[in-house]
Amino acid sequence: QQTQGEGQQQDSTQSNPPKTDGMPNALGEVNPPNP
């Protein structure tokens, strides 16, 4: 369970990387810019 939880946390961290100023964002970017 711990291994599975760590894997989920890693996936969440990879999909929702923290902003450069250190502010966490659990929901990810809202309406990311579309080139």
ModelCIF file with pLDDT and N, C-alpha, C, O atoms, coordinates in Angstrom:
data_MODEL
#
_entry.id   MODEL 
#
_entity.id                         1 
_entity.type                       polymer 
_entity.pdbx_number_of_molecules   1 
#
_entity_poly.entity_id                      1 
_entity_poly.type                           'polypeptide(L)' 
_entity_poly.nstd_linkage                   no 
_entity_poly.nstd_monomer                   no 
_entity_poly.pdbx_seq_one_letter_code       QQTQGEGQQQDSTQSNPPKTDGMPNALGEVNPPNP 
_entity_poly.pdbx_seq_one_letter_code_can   QQTQGEGQQQDSTQSNPPKTDGMPNALGEVNPPNP 
_entity_poly.pdbx_strand_id                 A 
#
loop_
_entity_poly_seq.entity_id 
_entity_poly_seq.num 
_entity_poly_seq.mon_id 
_entity_poly_seq.hetero 
1 1  GLN n 
1 2  GLN n 
1 3  THR n 
1 4  GLN n 
1 5  GLY n 
1 6  GLU n 
1 7  GLY n 
1 8  GLN n 
1 9  GLN n 
1 10 GLN n 
1 11 ASP n 
1 12 SER n 
1 13 THR n 
1 14 GLN n 
1 15 SER n 
1 16 ASN n 
1 17 PRO n 
1 18 PRO n 
1 19 LYS n 
1 20 THR n 
1 21 ASP n 
1 22 GLY n 
1 23 MET n 
1 24 PRO n 
1 25 ASN n 
1 26 ALA n 
1 27 LEU n 
1 28 GLY n 
1 29 GLU n 
1 30 VAL n 
1 31 ASN n 
1 32 PRO n 
1 33 PRO n 
1 34 ASN n 
1 35 PRO n 
#
_struct_asym.id          A 
_struct_asym.entity_id   1 
#
loop_
_ma_qa_metric.id 
_ma_qa_metric.mode 
_ma_qa_metric.name 
_ma_qa_metric.software_group_id 
_ma_qa_metric.type 
1 global pLDDT . pLDDT 
2 local  pLDDT . pLDDT 
#
_ma_qa_metric_global.metric_id      1 
_ma_qa_metric_global.metric_value   52.74 
_ma_qa_metric_global.model_id       1 
_ma_qa_metric_global.ordinal_id     1 
#
loop_
_ma_qa_metric_local.label_asym_id 
_ma_qa_metric_local.label_comp_id 
_ma_qa_metric_local.label_seq_id 
_ma_qa_metric_local.metric_id 
_ma_qa_metric_local.metric_value 
_ma_qa_metric_local.model_id 
_ma_qa_metric_local.ordinal_id 
A GLN 1  2 52.00 1 1  
A GLN 2  2 52.00 1 2  
A THR 3  2 50.00 1 3  
A GLN 4  2 53.00 1 4  
A GLY 5  2 51.00 1 5  
A GLU 6  2 52.00 1 6  
A GLY 7  2 51.00 1 7  
A GLN 8  2 51.00 1 8  
A GLN 9  2 51.00 1 9  
A GLN 10 2 51.00 1 10 
A ASP 11 2 53.00 1 11 
A SER 12 2 47.00 1 12 
A THR 13 2 48.00 1 13 
A GLN 14 2 50.00 1 14 
A SER 15 2 49.00 1 15 
A ASN 16 2 50.00 1 16 
A PRO 17 2 53.00 1 17 
A PRO 18 2 49.00 1 18 
A LYS 19 2 51.00 1 19 
A THR 20 2 53.00 1 20 
A ASP 21 2 57.00 1 21 
A GLY 22 2 54.00 1 22 
A MET 23 2 58.00 1 23 
A PRO 24 2 58.00 1 24 
A ASN 25 2 60.00 1 25 
A ALA 26 2 56.00 1 26 
A LEU 27 2 53.00 1 27 
A GLY 28 2 58.00 1 28 
A GLU 29 2 54.00 1 29 
A VAL 30 2 53.00 1 30 
A ASN 31 2 53.00 1 31 
A PRO 32 2 54.00 1 32 
A PRO 33 2 54.00 1 33 
A ASN 34 2 55.00 1 34 
A PRO 35 2 52.00 1 35 
#
loop_
_atom_site.group_PDB 
_atom_site.id 
_atom_site.type_symbol 
_atom_site.label_atom_id 
_atom_site.label_alt_id 
_atom_site.label_comp_id 
_atom_site.label_asym_id 
_atom_site.label_entity_id 
_atom_site.label_seq_id 
_atom_site.pdbx_PDB_ins_code 
_atom_site.Cartn_x 
_atom_site.Cartn_y 
_atom_site.Cartn_z 
_atom_site.occupancy 
_atom_site.B_iso_or_equiv 
_atom_site.pdbx_formal_charge 
_atom_site.auth_seq_id 
_atom_site.auth_comp_id 
_atom_site.auth_asym_id 
_atom_site.auth_atom_id 
_atom_site.pdbx_PDB_model_num 
ATOM 1   N N  . GLN A 1 1  ? 0.822  -1.201 0.000   1.00 52.00 ? 1  GLN A N  1 
ATOM 2   C CA . GLN A 1 1  ? 0.000  0.000  0.000   1.00 52.00 ? 1  GLN A CA 1 
ATOM 3   C C  . GLN A 1 1  ? 0.859  1.255  0.000   1.00 52.00 ? 1  GLN A C  1 
ATOM 4   O O  . GLN A 1 1  ? 0.575  2.220  -0.710  1.00 52.00 ? 1  GLN A O  1 
ATOM 5   N N  . GLN A 1 2  ? 1.932  1.226  0.821   1.00 52.00 ? 2  GLN A N  1 
ATOM 6   C CA . GLN A 1 2  ? 2.820  2.382  0.853   1.00 52.00 ? 2  GLN A CA 1 
ATOM 7   C C  . GLN A 1 2  ? 3.454  2.615  -0.506  1.00 52.00 ? 2  GLN A C  1 
ATOM 8   O O  . GLN A 1 2  ? 3.549  3.745  -0.986  1.00 52.00 ? 2  GLN A O  1 
ATOM 9   N N  . THR A 1 3  ? 3.900  1.480  -1.136  1.00 50.00 ? 3  THR A N  1 
ATOM 10  C CA . THR A 1 3  ? 4.517  1.612  -2.461  1.00 50.00 ? 3  THR A CA 1 
ATOM 11  C C  . THR A 1 3  ? 3.541  2.170  -3.472  1.00 50.00 ? 3  THR A C  1 
ATOM 12  O O  . THR A 1 3  ? 3.899  3.010  -4.297  1.00 50.00 ? 3  THR A O  1 
ATOM 13  N N  . GLN A 1 4  ? 2.288  1.695  -3.408  1.00 53.00 ? 4  GLN A N  1 
ATOM 14  C CA . GLN A 1 4  ? 1.249  2.187  -4.315  1.00 53.00 ? 4  GLN A CA 1 
ATOM 15  C C  . GLN A 1 4  ? 0.966  3.662  -4.068  1.00 53.00 ? 4  GLN A C  1 
ATOM 16  O O  . GLN A 1 4  ? 0.809  4.441  -5.008  1.00 53.00 ? 4  GLN A O  1 
ATOM 17  N N  . GLY A 1 5  ? 0.900  4.052  -2.750  1.00 51.00 ? 5  GLY A N  1 
ATOM 18  C CA . GLY A 1 5  ? 0.654  5.463  -2.412  1.00 51.00 ? 5  GLY A CA 1 
ATOM 19  C C  . GLY A 1 5  ? 1.769  6.356  -2.888  1.00 51.00 ? 5  GLY A C  1 
ATOM 20  O O  . GLY A 1 5  ? 1.531  7.451  -3.397  1.00 51.00 ? 5  GLY A O  1 
ATOM 21  N N  . GLU A 1 6  ? 3.024  5.873  -2.716  1.00 52.00 ? 6  GLU A N  1 
ATOM 22  C CA . GLU A 1 6  ? 4.151  6.670  -3.179  1.00 52.00 ? 6  GLU A CA 1 
ATOM 23  C C  . GLU A 1 6  ? 4.108  6.842  -4.689  1.00 52.00 ? 6  GLU A C  1 
ATOM 24  O O  . GLU A 1 6  ? 4.432  7.904  -5.222  1.00 52.00 ? 6  GLU A O  1 
ATOM 25  N N  . GLY A 1 7  ? 3.689  5.746  -5.382  1.00 51.00 ? 7  GLY A N  1 
ATOM 26  C CA . GLY A 1 7  ? 3.588  5.850  -6.835  1.00 51.00 ? 7  GLY A CA 1 
ATOM 27  C C  . GLY A 1 7  ? 2.536  6.837  -7.256  1.00 51.00 ? 7  GLY A C  1 
ATOM 28  O O  . GLY A 1 7  ? 2.731  7.577  -8.220  1.00 51.00 ? 7  GLY A O  1 
ATOM 29  N N  . GLN A 1 8  ? 1.403  6.866  -6.541  1.00 51.00 ? 8  GLN A N  1 
ATOM 30  C CA . GLN A 1 8  ? 0.352  7.837  -6.853  1.00 51.00 ? 8  GLN A CA 1 
ATOM 31  C C  . GLN A 1 8  ? 0.812  9.253  -6.576  1.00 51.00 ? 8  GLN A C  1 
ATOM 32  O O  . GLN A 1 8  ? 0.516  10.174 -7.337  1.00 51.00 ? 8  GLN A O  1 
ATOM 33  N N  . GLN A 1 9  ? 1.556  9.424  -5.453  1.00 51.00 ? 9  GLN A N  1 
ATOM 34  C CA . GLN A 1 9  ? 2.064  10.753 -5.134  1.00 51.00 ? 9  GLN A CA 1 
ATOM 35  C C  . GLN A 1 9  ? 3.038  11.224 -6.202  1.00 51.00 ? 9  GLN A C  1 
ATOM 36  O O  . GLN A 1 9  ? 3.030  12.390 -6.597  1.00 51.00 ? 9  GLN A O  1 
ATOM 37  N N  . GLN A 1 10 ? 3.897  10.284 -6.674  1.00 51.00 ? 10 GLN A N  1 
ATOM 38  C CA . GLN A 1 10 ? 4.841  10.668 -7.710  1.00 51.00 ? 10 GLN A CA 1 
ATOM 39  C C  . GLN A 1 10 ? 4.120  11.049 -8.990  1.00 51.00 ? 10 GLN A C  1 
ATOM 40  O O  . GLN A 1 10 ? 4.480  12.022 -9.653  1.00 51.00 ? 10 GLN A O  1 
ATOM 41  N N  . ASP A 1 11 ? 3.068  10.253 -9.343  1.00 53.00 ? 11 ASP A N  1 
ATOM 42  C CA . ASP A 1 11 ? 2.309  10.587 -10.543 1.00 53.00 ? 11 ASP A CA 1 
ATOM 43  C C  . ASP A 1 11 ? 1.630  11.942 -10.404 1.00 53.00 ? 11 ASP A C  1 
ATOM 44  O O  . ASP A 1 11 ? 1.594  12.731 -11.347 1.00 53.00 ? 11 ASP A O  1 
ATOM 45  N N  . SER A 1 12 ? 1.080  12.206 -9.187  1.00 47.00 ? 12 SER A N  1 
ATOM 46  C CA . SER A 1 12 ? 0.414  13.489 -8.949  1.00 47.00 ? 12 SER A CA 1 
ATOM 47  C C  . SER A 1 12 ? 1.393  14.633 -9.025  1.00 47.00 ? 12 SER A C  1 
ATOM 48  O O  . SER A 1 12 ? 1.080  15.701 -9.550  1.00 47.00 ? 12 SER A O  1 
ATOM 49  N N  . THR A 1 13 ? 2.623  14.398 -8.478  1.00 48.00 ? 13 THR A N  1 
ATOM 50  C CA . THR A 1 13 ? 3.640  15.446 -8.516  1.00 48.00 ? 13 THR A CA 1 
ATOM 51  C C  . THR A 1 13 ? 4.081  15.724 -9.936  1.00 48.00 ? 13 THR A C  1 
ATOM 52  O O  . THR A 1 13 ? 4.306  16.874 -10.312 1.00 48.00 ? 13 THR A O  1 
ATOM 53  N N  . GLN A 1 14 ? 4.206  14.648 -10.737 1.00 50.00 ? 14 GLN A N  1 
ATOM 54  C CA . GLN A 1 14 ? 4.628  14.833 -12.111 1.00 50.00 ? 14 GLN A CA 1 
ATOM 55  C C  . GLN A 1 14 ? 3.555  15.536 -12.941 1.00 50.00 ? 14 GLN A C  1 
ATOM 56  O O  . GLN A 1 14 ? 3.871  16.380 -13.779 1.00 50.00 ? 14 GLN A O  1 
ATOM 57  N N  . SER A 1 15 ? 2.269  15.184 -12.704 1.00 49.00 ? 15 SER A N  1 
ATOM 58  C CA . SER A 1 15 ? 1.202  15.818 -13.471 1.00 49.00 ? 15 SER A CA 1 
ATOM 59  C C  . SER A 1 15 ? 0.878  17.208 -12.983 1.00 49.00 ? 15 SER A C  1 
ATOM 60  O O  . SER A 1 15 ? 0.338  18.011 -13.745 1.00 49.00 ? 15 SER A O  1 
ATOM 61  N N  . ASN A 1 16 ? 1.193  17.527 -11.719 1.00 50.00 ? 16 ASN A N  1 
ATOM 62  C CA . ASN A 1 16 ? 0.912  18.847 -11.150 1.00 50.00 ? 16 ASN A CA 1 
ATOM 63  C C  . ASN A 1 16 ? 2.192  19.410 -10.536 1.00 50.00 ? 16 ASN A C  1 
ATOM 64  O O  . ASN A 1 16 ? 2.291  19.508 -9.313  1.00 50.00 ? 16 ASN A O  1 
ATOM 65  N N  . PRO A 1 17 ? 3.142  19.769 -11.334 1.00 53.00 ? 17 PRO A N  1 
ATOM 66  C CA . PRO A 1 17 ? 4.397  20.274 -10.772 1.00 53.00 ? 17 PRO A CA 1 
ATOM 67  C C  . PRO A 1 17 ? 4.175  21.581 -10.040 1.00 53.00 ? 17 PRO A C  1 
ATOM 68  O O  . PRO A 1 17 ? 3.321  22.371 -10.444 1.00 53.00 ? 17 PRO A O  1 
ATOM 69  N N  . PRO A 1 18 ? 4.919  21.831 -8.974  1.00 49.00 ? 18 PRO A N  1 
ATOM 70  C CA . PRO A 1 18 ? 4.757  23.093 -8.243  1.00 49.00 ? 18 PRO A CA 1 
ATOM 71  C C  . PRO A 1 18 ? 5.206  24.265 -9.083  1.00 49.00 ? 18 PRO A C  1 
ATOM 72  O O  . PRO A 1 18 ? 6.058  24.118 -9.959  1.00 49.00 ? 18 PRO A O  1 
ATOM 73  N N  . LYS A 1 19 ? 4.639  25.428 -8.821  1.00 51.00 ? 19 LYS A N  1 
ATOM 74  C CA . LYS A 1 19 ? 5.020  26.632 -9.530  1.00 51.00 ? 19 LYS A CA 1 
ATOM 75  C C  . LYS A 1 19 ? 6.425  27.038 -9.133  1.00 51.00 ? 19 LYS A C  1 
ATOM 76  O O  . LYS A 1 19 ? 6.954  26.594 -8.113  1.00 51.00 ? 19 LYS A O  1 
ATOM 77  N N  . THR A 1 20 ? 7.012  27.877 -9.944  1.00 53.00 ? 20 THR A N  1 
ATOM 78  C CA . THR A 1 20 ? 8.395  28.269 -9.719  1.00 53.00 ? 20 THR A CA 1 
ATOM 79  C C  . THR A 1 20 ? 8.571  29.044 -8.433  1.00 53.00 ? 20 THR A C  1 
ATOM 80  O O  . THR A 1 20 ? 9.666  29.051 -7.869  1.00 53.00 ? 20 THR A O  1 
ATOM 81  N N  . ASP A 1 21 ? 7.513  29.708 -7.944  1.00 57.00 ? 21 ASP A N  1 
ATOM 82  C CA . ASP A 1 21 ? 7.644  30.467 -6.716  1.00 57.00 ? 21 ASP A CA 1 
ATOM 83  C C  . ASP A 1 21 ? 7.382  29.621 -5.481  1.00 57.00 ? 21 ASP A C  1 
ATOM 84  O O  . ASP A 1 21 ? 7.340  30.154 -4.372  1.00 57.00 ? 21 ASP A O  1 
ATOM 85  N N  . GLY A 1 22 ? 7.203  28.308 -5.646  1.00 54.00 ? 22 GLY A N  1 
ATOM 86  C CA . GLY A 1 22 ? 7.007  27.421 -4.503  1.00 54.00 ? 22 GLY A CA 1 
ATOM 87  C C  . GLY A 1 22 ? 5.564  27.213 -4.119  1.00 54.00 ? 22 GLY A C  1 
ATOM 88  O O  . GLY A 1 22 ? 5.298  26.460 -3.182  1.00 54.00 ? 22 GLY A O  1 
ATOM 89  N N  . MET A 1 23 ? 4.612  27.844 -4.794  1.00 58.00 ? 23 MET A N  1 
ATOM 90  C CA . MET A 1 23 ? 3.195  27.682 -4.473  1.00 58.00 ? 23 MET A CA 1 
ATOM 91  C C  . MET A 1 23 ? 2.699  26.359 -5.038  1.00 58.00 ? 23 MET A C  1 
ATOM 92  O O  . MET A 1 23 ? 2.738  26.169 -6.254  1.00 58.00 ? 23 MET A O  1 
ATOM 93  N N  . PRO A 1 24 ? 2.228  25.429 -4.189  1.00 58.00 ? 24 PRO A N  1 
ATOM 94  C CA . PRO A 1 24 ? 1.716  24.156 -4.716  1.00 58.00 ? 24 PRO A CA 1 
ATOM 95  C C  . PRO A 1 24 ? 0.404  24.347 -5.444  1.00 58.00 ? 24 PRO A C  1 
ATOM 96  O O  . PRO A 1 24 ? -0.341 25.290 -5.178  1.00 58.00 ? 24 PRO A O  1 
ATOM 97  N N  . ASN A 1 25 ? 0.128  23.426 -6.379  1.00 60.00 ? 25 ASN A N  1 
ATOM 98  C CA . ASN A 1 25 ? -1.099 23.482 -7.160  1.00 60.00 ? 25 ASN A CA 1 
ATOM 99  C C  . ASN A 1 25 ? -1.583 22.056 -7.357  1.00 60.00 ? 25 ASN A C  1 
ATOM 100 O O  . ASN A 1 25 ? -1.156 21.376 -8.290  1.00 60.00 ? 25 ASN A O  1 
ATOM 101 N N  . ALA A 1 26 ? -2.476 21.600 -6.478  1.00 56.00 ? 26 ALA A N  1 
ATOM 102 C CA . ALA A 1 26 ? -2.930 20.216 -6.510  1.00 56.00 ? 26 ALA A CA 1 
ATOM 103 C C  . ALA A 1 26 ? -3.800 19.917 -7.711  1.00 56.00 ? 26 ALA A C  1 
ATOM 104 O O  . ALA A 1 26 ? -3.884 18.768 -8.144  1.00 56.00 ? 26 ALA A O  1 
ATOM 105 N N  . LEU A 1 27 ? -4.448 20.933 -8.258  1.00 53.00 ? 27 LEU A N  1 
ATOM 106 C CA . LEU A 1 27 ? -5.375 20.708 -9.363  1.00 53.00 ? 27 LEU A CA 1 
ATOM 107 C C  . LEU A 1 27 ? -4.751 20.961 -10.726 1.00 53.00 ? 27 LEU A C  1 
ATOM 108 O O  . LEU A 1 27 ? -5.408 20.777 -11.750 1.00 53.00 ? 27 LEU A O  1 
ATOM 109 N N  . GLY A 1 28 ? -3.521 21.369 -10.750 1.00 58.00 ? 28 GLY A N  1 
ATOM 110 C CA . GLY A 1 28 ? -2.871 21.631 -12.023 1.00 58.00 ? 28 GLY A CA 1 
ATOM 111 C C  . GLY A 1 28 ? -3.251 22.986 -12.580 1.00 58.00 ? 28 GLY A C  1 
ATOM 112 O O  . GLY A 1 28 ? -4.061 23.705 -11.996 1.00 58.00 ? 28 GLY A O  1 
ATOM 113 N N  . GLU A 1 29 ? -2.664 23.327 -13.707 1.00 54.00 ? 29 GLU A N  1 
ATOM 114 C CA . GLU A 1 29 ? -2.933 24.607 -14.337 1.00 54.00 ? 29 GLU A CA 1 
ATOM 115 C C  . GLU A 1 29 ? -4.350 24.636 -14.892 1.00 54.00 ? 29 GLU A C  1 
ATOM 116 O O  . GLU A 1 29 ? -4.815 23.660 -15.480 1.00 54.00 ? 29 GLU A O  1 
ATOM 117 N N  . VAL A 1 30 ? -5.020 25.743 -14.702 1.00 53.00 ? 30 VAL A N  1 
ATOM 118 C CA . VAL A 1 30 ? -6.366 25.928 -15.226 1.00 53.00 ? 30 VAL A CA 1 
ATOM 119 C C  . VAL A 1 30 ? -6.269 26.648 -16.560 1.00 53.00 ? 30 VAL A C  1 
ATOM 120 O O  . VAL A 1 30 ? -5.684 27.726 -16.667 1.00 53.00 ? 30 VAL A O  1 
ATOM 121 N N  . ASN A 1 31 ? -6.859 26.023 -17.579 1.00 53.00 ? 31 ASN A N  1 
ATOM 122 C CA . ASN A 1 31 ? -6.838 26.583 -18.937 1.00 53.00 ? 31 ASN A CA 1 
ATOM 123 C C  . ASN A 1 31 ? -5.421 26.973 -19.359 1.00 53.00 ? 31 ASN A C  1 
ATOM 124 O O  . ASN A 1 31 ? -5.131 28.153 -19.553 1.00 53.00 ? 31 ASN A O  1 
ATOM 125 N N  . PRO A 1 32 ? -4.537 25.977 -19.499 1.00 54.00 ? 32 PRO A N  1 
ATOM 126 C CA . PRO A 1 32 ? -3.161 26.302 -19.889 1.00 54.00 ? 32 PRO A CA 1 
ATOM 127 C C  . PRO A 1 32 ? -3.144 26.993 -21.248 1.00 54.00 ? 32 PRO A C  1 
ATOM 128 O O  . PRO A 1 32 ? -4.023 26.756 -22.076 1.00 54.00 ? 32 PRO A O  1 
ATOM 129 N N  . PRO A 1 33 ? -2.155 27.840 -21.480 1.00 54.00 ? 33 PRO A N  1 
ATOM 130 C CA . PRO A 1 33 ? -2.108 28.578 -22.748 1.00 54.00 ? 33 PRO A CA 1 
ATOM 131 C C  . PRO A 1 33 ? -1.968 27.642 -23.928 1.00 54.00 ? 33 PRO A C  1 
ATOM 132 O O  . PRO A 1 33 ? -1.207 26.675 -23.893 1.00 54.00 ? 33 PRO A O  1 
ATOM 133 N N  . ASN A 1 34 ? -2.702 27.941 -24.955 1.00 55.00 ? 34 ASN A N  1 
ATOM 134 C CA . ASN A 1 34 ? -2.668 27.161 -26.182 1.00 55.00 ? 34 ASN A CA 1 
ATOM 135 C C  . ASN A 1 34 ? -1.963 27.981 -27.249 1.00 55.00 ? 34 ASN A C  1 
ATOM 136 O O  . ASN A 1 34 ? -2.491 29.002 -27.688 1.00 55.00 ? 34 ASN A O  1 
ATOM 137 N N  . PRO A 1 35 ? -0.778 27.554 -27.675 1.00 52.00 ? 35 PRO A N  1 
ATOM 138 C CA . PRO A 1 35 ? -0.042 28.363 -28.667 1.00 52.00 ? 35 PRO A CA 1 
ATOM 139 C C  . PRO A 1 35 ? -0.841 28.603 -29.933 1.00 52.00 ? 35 PRO A C  1 
ATOM 140 O O  . PRO A 1 35 ? -0.356 29.262 -30.852 1.00 52.00 ? 35 PRO A O  1 
#
